[in-house]
Amino acid sequence: MAERKCVLALGFFDGVHRGHAALLNRTTARAEALGVDPAVMTFDTHPDTLVQGTPVPLINSAPDRAYLIRRLFGIDRVEFFRFTEETMHMPWEEFLRSIRSELGVVGFVVGYDFRFGWRGEGNTGRLRDYCAANGLTCDVVDKVELDGITVSSTHIRSLLREGDMLRAEYFMGHPHFLSDIVRHGHRLGRHLGAPTVNMQFAPGVLIPPHGVYATRAILPEGEFAAVTNIGVRPTVSREPTVTVESHLLGFGGNLYGRTLALEFFDFLRPERRFADLDELGAQIARDGERARQIVEARR
């Protein structure tokens, strides 16, 4: 039994977009009114991956979803529910009873299309009835539309696949986000006068089009404009592994082994092969200046 009572938001929250924002803000308001904690319960794996047998390319890794929820909405309590075969076959009432008891739930908040339990038999109508019968609050949040389009993770994924970071940010309400532990690379950037840090996308996370992006790096020391290359570095490598290589403008410290967060602001150009390292170095300098201007204009 949980020590602290909570109002619990249920959902997957991939992208933590404007539709989710309406739900999370409602959760915070309801929890404040009841004098309990706001909390979020999400899944470690997208349910469709198991239910439909098809992997869903994700906007964010699980840790990044939790980070965004905490950072943007101040909800510190983010619970992950492991989605397994057993979970998939769990009757909807058993699912509610289980999390209600374990997490100390006094109210639920869900989106208009939320379904749960075996065969998706749990829906908002059944949730309302369950809450009414058990003395719980129940908030069902309507869909959010922008420009006549329903804000959804599916739509945002399509924008990210096209490299349309500006439009994706419009629907998310914040820049596309990636964090990872900085890894050792080939140290080639130092020889080009633009030392870089190397990251990777977590397994299952959607990789935007290969190319160069204007980004902002977030560190405890502060925030830095950066130019980021997503791709296979065709000028200097024949390896097929996709890397995320960023040159932080104005930062000279050692980041190996530390966690770095990146916000993607805009797509600058496609990745391409250069004739030699001098040509590549000159282009990195031009990319860096453009990235600096874009990031500084957003301050």
Foldseek 3Di string as FASTA:
>chain_A
DAPFAAAEEEDACFLQAPQVVVQLVVRCVVCVVVVTAREYEHEQAPLCCVVVVNQDATLAHPVVSQVCCCVVRVRNHYHYDYDDPVQQAFAPVVVVVVCCVVHNYQEYEYEQADFGHHPSPRHLVNVVVVCVVVNHYYHYHYFDDDPNHTQDRVVLLVCQQAQNQQVSCVGRVFFRKDKAAWADDPQVCVVLVFGKTKGAGDPSHDDGAFAKFFKWKQDPVGIFTKIWTWAQQVQPDPDRDTMIIIGTPPDDDDRHRHMMMMGTDGGDGHDDHDPHSNVVSVVRVVSSVVSVVRVVVVD
